[in-house]
Every structure is written in structure tokens, then in C-alpha cells.
């Protein structure tokens, strides 16, 4: 008996594609923008591209997209107000790698430091501290999810003789709370700590935070030493990716020779995804600063709509200022499963990312109301 393996292979792919499409229609609990179209980039998938080494140094391997990566870094370096003559960064595999890189720079600058972050921080922060063998201090968060600055001052003050690394959350996972970098500096001053490094984990809300007023201090000009964002969240991408931005004067202190590749080894990984910069570059060309600003306003307006409508159906919901994330008590498990709701400690949320519609929100809220009446 002859088995048509090509037919079986294609059927398995088509079955999974149909399932993915169906799941995409009810995915509102995780922060992924869906209004993207990168068809112009797809022909590059016919080649084995590799952005190995420093993005500002073209390696011996020529199948790469570093010129596009440099444009992406410069765009976000401008957005996050890094000095024109002292900026650097690269396209990462996602926000977690960006956090690891920022903490790696901090550890190399201050080997005796402790790292402090709030209980609301993303799990990647604690994991990065473990990988880097940095002693940690977990600080209480306020009910909103923002760090407790008095608690930070007390925690740092107990080790005032050691340098401090602080990871500021610019959009916590569950409530999209934003830590104020200026207030973090004030807490460190009050605790008597001079040597410090602040990394802004802006994976979720970095772009909206740069676009919307009132401005919450979080960027390089505000006193952060490095910033990481995710590319597959607010920007939108068919694969996880991210961007990390820092000062070149800091990066130079940890650079190593790339040996045979012809480029300095300045990133976490060796070989790096060369398609991801094309996605980010295409998004920048499509949206620009004004387009990103419109997307940010539309997202927070949609979140405001969701809070209002859920309130009118007697299902209380809330959000932090300028947040795309809407928080509410965890509903029936059927609703959690059907709508893929991120859930923790009795609370769930939806994230009104670009690509979300009022129609989809209405369907969710109607389903939520029916479940509460059952």
C-alpha cells in the first residue's frame, strides 16, 4: 500500500491553520496587535538570513538585514530620547531577552549590585536575575500594580553600601501599571545609594507611554539606562521579537570580539533573526510616529469603551490611566477558556490592542453577561 505523504502533510497543516484561525477570533486576553500585513517581506523567507554580531558592524556573512535593523534602532532611540551621539541597541527575540540584556549590562557595570523589582514584574525579570546570579529584592506593589516607592527605599536602604539595579515596569503584565523612573531615582537618593542602573521593561506599553500625555518618566532622558519593548505586542508581528535600546557608552564596556564572524559580539545570542527587523522596519514605514500615536489613542479609547460597557452590564471593570488593559474579577472557567483570558489570583484581563474591534468586545461582554446570569 502506498501512502501519499505529501497529502497527509498538507492536510495536517491545513487542519492546524483552520484551528489557529478559529482561535484568533476569540483571543482577547493576551497583548498581540493583529492589524498587520507583511506580505512584502515574505519573499525573504526563501533565504537563510542571519544578523550575527553587532547590528552596527556588517559581518562576513552577507545574507543579513542589518541596514534595516539600524533604522529600527534609530527610530526607537529617537522615540525613547537616547542621545544622538550615544545610542545603541538591537532587535531581540522578545521582551524577555531585552530584560536579560539590560540586566546583563547592569551586572557587568556593577558586579556587586543587587537587583530590585516589584512583585508585579514579569516573570522574565526574576528568571534573568537567576541566570545572571544577581541577588534579588522583591518589592511590594501598590493595588494598581505600580511599585511601592517607600518599600523600594526601605529595601535598598538595607543594602545601601551596594550598587542598586532597579527594573521599572512600564506596563505590568496584569494591570499595565507604570513605574515612575524619576520617583525611583528619588527613592534611591533617599536611601543613600549612588551607584545605580535602571532598566525600563516597557515590553507592553513603551510606545503608548512615549505617545500619550500625561507623560510618565520612563525613557533614557528621564533617567533609564536601557529600555526593552516587544515587537509582537503593540507593533504587531507574526513572530515574537523585540527591541532593546541603551547608550553606546554603556554597551562598549561589555563588547567582546566576534572572532571569525568579522563583527563584535555585543548581543545575548550569536546568530540572530534577520526577518524580524524587516517586520519592524515595515511597521515603522507604514505607521511612523503619527501613526503609532493614533494607534495608542485608539487602543486606550477602546479600553475606555470596554470599561464603560462592562459597568453598564453590572460587571465592574477598571483600568489604569492611559492603559489598554481592562481588569475584572475572574469569570466562569468557560469564559476564561473560550476567550483565552490571562488570569491570576482571582483577576482576569483583556487587552485592547490594535486590531481589536468594538464588535469583538461586544460579543465577549454579551457572553460574559449571559454566563453571570446562568
Foldseek 3Di string as FASTA:
>chain_A
DDDPVVVVVVVVVVVVVVVVVLLVLQAFAAFFADPDDDVVLVVLVVDDEWCFFFLVFDWPDDRFQSVLQVVLQVQVCVLLVPDPQWKGKGKFLALLQLLLLQVVLLCLVFVQEAEEEEPLADPSNVVSCVVVVHHYDYAYADPLREGDLLRLLVRCLVVQVGEYEYEWECQGDFFRDGYAVLSNVVSNVSSNHDHYAYEYSCAAPPLLLSQDPPHRQDGVVSPHQKYKYWCRGQLRDPGTMIMMMGTNVSQVSPWAPPPPGHHIHRGPDGIDDRSVSVSSSVSCVVQPSPNSNVQLVVLLVVCVVLQVVLVVLVFHWDHDPSASKIKGFDADVVLCVSNVWDDDDRMTIGGSHHVDDPVSSVVSSVVRSVRVVD
